Amino acid sequence: MEAKAYLNNVRISPRKVKIVLDQIRGRDAAYAMAVLKHTPKAACEPLAKLLKSAMANAENNHNMDVHNLYVSECFVAPGPIMKRIRPRAQGRAFRVLKRTSHVTLVLKEKE
């Protein structure tokens, strides 16, 4: 039995999200929440919200015990890229890529 939660089109680069996900993969849900609260990264706030959502899904939809949950899988995929223009010298323009992410978090119960 597993509980999933998805976070789509979050406005942060997948590369930055992956750094934080590597810290919580395989950990207890409570420990992962503590790591997300005390890590000074921009990705931690939306990931903490996502972890809370996955824990609520496990408790309410699958009748799992919240104290026995651990992060079994978590991964990030690139979402759509917003292309913007930055003015440069002599009338030129440089393209700025504003990347987005799709994050998936799966919780399982310890046996």
C-alpha atoms as a PDB file:
ATOM      1  CA  MET A   1       0.000   0.000   0.000  1.00  0.00           C
ATOM      2  CA  GLU A   2       1.346   3.415  -0.929  1.00  0.00           C
ATOM      3  CA  ALA A   3       0.161   7.009  -0.816  1.00  0.00           C
ATOM      4  CA  LYS A   4       1.134   9.460  -3.537  1.00  0.00           C
ATOM      5  CA  ALA A   5       1.072  13.217  -3.892  1.00  0.00           C
ATOM      6  CA  TYR A   6       1.927  15.332  -6.923  1.00  0.00           C
ATOM      7  CA  LEU A   7       3.058  18.924  -7.287  1.00  0.00           C
ATOM      8  CA  ASN A   8       2.809  20.186 -10.854  1.00  0.00           C
ATOM      9  CA  ASN A   9       4.149  23.345 -12.492  1.00  0.00           C
ATOM     10  CA  VAL A  10       5.975  24.613  -9.405  1.00  0.00           C
ATOM     11  CA  ARG A  11       8.063  27.652 -10.428  1.00  0.00           C
ATOM     12  CA  ILE A  12      11.489  26.383  -9.395  1.00  0.00           C
ATOM     13  CA  SER A  13      14.202  24.656 -11.382  1.00  0.00           C
ATOM     14  CA  PRO A  14      14.226  20.816 -11.227  1.00  0.00           C
ATOM     15  CA  ARG A  15      17.943  20.926 -10.482  1.00  0.00           C
ATOM     16  CA  LYS A  16      17.314  22.868  -7.262  1.00  0.00           C
ATOM     17  CA  VAL A  17      14.453  20.582  -6.206  1.00  0.00           C
ATOM     18  CA  LYS A  18      16.542  17.436  -6.757  1.00  0.00           C
ATOM     19  CA  ILE A  19      19.135  18.564  -4.193  1.00  0.00           C
ATOM     20  CA  VAL A  20      16.488  18.664  -1.455  1.00  0.00           C
ATOM     21  CA  LEU A  21      14.744  15.447  -2.565  1.00  0.00           C
ATOM     22  CA  ASP A  22      18.032  13.547  -2.281  1.00  0.00           C
ATOM     23  CA  GLN A  23      18.160  14.506   1.412  1.00  0.00           C
ATOM     24  CA  ILE A  24      14.732  13.050   2.291  1.00  0.00           C
ATOM     25  CA  ARG A  25      14.605   9.938   0.079  1.00  0.00           C
ATOM     26  CA  GLY A  26      14.270   6.764   2.199  1.00  0.00           C
ATOM     27  CA  ARG A  27      13.744   8.663   5.481  1.00  0.00           C
ATOM     28  CA  ASP A  28      10.866   8.550   7.959  1.00  0.00           C
ATOM     29  CA  ALA A  29       8.101  11.018   7.160  1.00  0.00           C
ATOM     30  CA  ALA A  30       8.540  12.881  10.461  1.00  0.00           C
ATOM     31  CA  TYR A  31      12.320  13.112   9.969  1.00  0.00           C
ATOM     32  CA  ALA A  32      11.831  14.276   6.373  1.00  0.00           C
ATOM     33  CA  MET A  33       9.468  17.014   7.586  1.00  0.00           C
ATOM     34  CA  ALA A  34      12.089  18.159  10.127  1.00  0.00           C
ATOM     35  CA  VAL A  35      14.764  18.248   7.410  1.00  0.00           C
ATOM     36  CA  LEU A  36      12.502  20.333   5.153  1.00  0.00           C
ATOM     37  CA  LYS A  37      11.718  22.774   7.971  1.00  0.00           C
ATOM     38  CA  HIS A  38      15.374  23.393   8.835  1.00  0.00           C
ATOM     39  CA  THR A  39      17.023  23.404   5.400  1.00  0.00           C
ATOM     40  CA  PRO A  40      17.520  26.906   3.962  1.00  0.00           C
ATOM     41  CA  LYS A  41      16.561  26.125   0.353  1.00  0.00           C
ATOM     42  CA  ALA A  42      13.804  27.676  -1.756  1.00  0.00           C
ATOM     43  CA  ALA A  43      12.420  24.245  -2.683  1.00  0.00           C
ATOM     44  CA  CYS A  44      11.759  23.261   0.950  1.00  0.00           C
ATOM     45  CA  GLU A  45       8.541  25.239   1.407  1.00  0.00           C
ATOM     46  CA  PRO A  46       6.561  23.643  -1.466  1.00  0.00           C
ATOM     47  CA  LEU A  47       8.071  20.211  -0.687  1.00  0.00           C
ATOM     48  CA  ALA A  48       6.976  20.422   2.957  1.00  0.00           C
ATOM     49  CA  LYS A  49       3.458  21.202   1.761  1.00  0.00           C
ATOM     50  CA  LEU A  50       3.626  18.236  -0.625  1.00  0.00           C
ATOM     51  CA  LEU A  51       4.818  15.892   2.160  1.00  0.00           C
ATOM     52  CA  LYS A  52       1.933  17.019   4.397  1.00  0.00           C
ATOM     53  CA  SER A  53      -0.468  16.303   1.547  1.00  0.00           C
ATOM     54  CA  ALA A  54       0.977  12.811   1.002  1.00  0.00           C
ATOM     55  CA  MET A  55       0.709  12.080   4.748  1.00  0.00           C
ATOM     56  CA  ALA A  56      -2.919  13.231   4.756  1.00  0.00           C
ATOM     57  CA  ASN A  57      -3.622  11.034   1.705  1.00  0.00           C
ATOM     58  CA  ALA A  58      -2.098   8.050   3.492  1.00  0.00           C
ATOM     59  CA  GLU A  59      -4.128   8.611   6.643  1.00  0.00           C
ATOM     60  CA  ASN A  60      -7.496   9.505   5.116  1.00  0.00           C
ATOM     61  CA  ASN A  61      -7.597   7.567   1.837  1.00  0.00           C
ATOM     62  CA  HIS A  62      -5.584   4.419   2.662  1.00  0.00           C
ATOM     63  CA  ASN A  63      -6.025   4.113   6.477  1.00  0.00           C
ATOM     64  CA  MET A  64      -2.266   3.962   7.030  1.00  0.00           C
ATOM     65  CA  ASP A  65      -0.551   4.775  10.323  1.00  0.00           C
ATOM     66  CA  VAL A  66       1.169   8.175  10.028  1.00  0.00           C
ATOM     67  CA  HIS A  67       3.898   7.195  12.515  1.00  0.00           C
ATOM     68  CA  ASN A  68       5.070   4.251  10.357  1.00  0.00           C
ATOM     69  CA  LEU A  69       5.386   6.136   7.055  1.00  0.00           C
ATOM     70  CA  TYR A  70       8.607   6.657   5.127  1.00  0.00           C
ATOM     71  CA  VAL A  71       9.477   8.317   1.825  1.00  0.00           C
ATOM     72  CA  SER A  72       9.860   5.366  -0.534  1.00  0.00           C
ATOM     73  CA  GLU A  73      10.270   7.338  -3.758  1.00  0.00           C
ATOM     74  CA  CYS A  74      10.523  10.981  -4.669  1.00  0.00           C
ATOM     75  CA  PHE A  75      11.537  12.401  -7.999  1.00  0.00           C
ATOM     76  CA  VAL A  76      11.290  15.537 -10.071  1.00  0.00           C
ATOM     77  CA  ALA A  77      10.640  15.943 -13.794  1.00  0.00           C
ATOM     78  CA  PRO A  78      11.006  19.143 -15.805  1.00  0.00           C
ATOM     79  CA  GLY A  79       7.776  20.982 -16.541  1.00  0.00           C
ATOM     80  CA  PRO A  80       7.058  23.579 -19.207  1.00  0.00           C
ATOM     81  CA  ILE A  81       9.698  26.259 -19.645  1.00  0.00           C
ATOM     82  CA  MET A  82       8.610  29.906 -19.795  1.00  0.00           C
ATOM     83  CA  LYS A  83      10.708  31.875 -22.254  1.00  0.00           C
ATOM     84  CA  ARG A  84      11.329  35.533 -21.476  1.00  0.00           C
ATOM     85  CA  ILE A  85      13.426  38.227 -23.129  1.00  0.00           C
ATOM     86  CA  ARG A  86      16.090  40.307 -21.365  1.00  0.00           C
ATOM     87  CA  PRO A  87      17.228  43.503 -23.115  1.00  0.00           C
ATOM     88  CA  ARG A  88      20.969  43.748 -23.717  1.00  0.00           C
ATOM     89  CA  ALA A  89      23.377  46.299 -25.144  1.00  0.00           C
ATOM     90  CA  GLN A  90      23.068  47.693 -28.690  1.00  0.00           C
ATOM     91  CA  GLY A  91      19.451  46.601 -29.158  1.00  0.00           C
ATOM     92  CA  ARG A  92      20.100  42.906 -28.702  1.00  0.00           C
ATOM     93  CA  ALA A  93      17.974  40.575 -26.611  1.00  0.00           C
ATOM     94  CA  PHE A  94      18.951  37.512 -24.576  1.00  0.00           C
ATOM     95  CA  ARG A  95      16.541  34.728 -23.776  1.00  0.00           C
ATOM     96  CA  VAL A  96      15.854  33.880 -20.141  1.00  0.00           C
ATOM     97  CA  LEU A  97      14.483  30.391 -19.429  1.00  0.00           C
ATOM     98  CA  LYS A  98      12.220  30.226 -16.382  1.00  0.00           C
ATOM     99  CA  ARG A  99      12.059  26.532 -15.574  1.00  0.00           C
ATOM    100  CA  THR A 100       9.241  24.685 -13.805  1.00  0.00           C
ATOM    101  CA  SER A 101       9.062  21.280 -12.123  1.00  0.00           C
ATOM    102  CA  HIS A 102       6.681  18.371 -11.634  1.00  0.00           C
ATOM    103  CA  VAL A 103       7.389  16.656  -8.293  1.00  0.00           C
ATOM    104  CA  THR A 104       6.096  13.216  -7.237  1.00  0.00           C
ATOM    105  CA  LEU A 105       6.316  11.909  -3.663  1.00  0.00           C
ATOM    106  CA  VAL A 106       5.391   8.353  -2.615  1.00  0.00           C
ATOM    107  CA  LEU A 107       4.994   7.238   1.010  1.00  0.00           C
ATOM    108  CA  LYS A 108       4.871   3.628   2.163  1.00  0.00           C
ATOM    109  CA  GLU A 109       4.249   2.027   5.513  1.00  0.00           C
ATOM    110  CA  LYS A 110       7.011   0.185   7.386  1.00  0.00           C
ATOM    111  CA  GLU A 111       6.307  -3.471   8.067  1.00  0.00           C
END
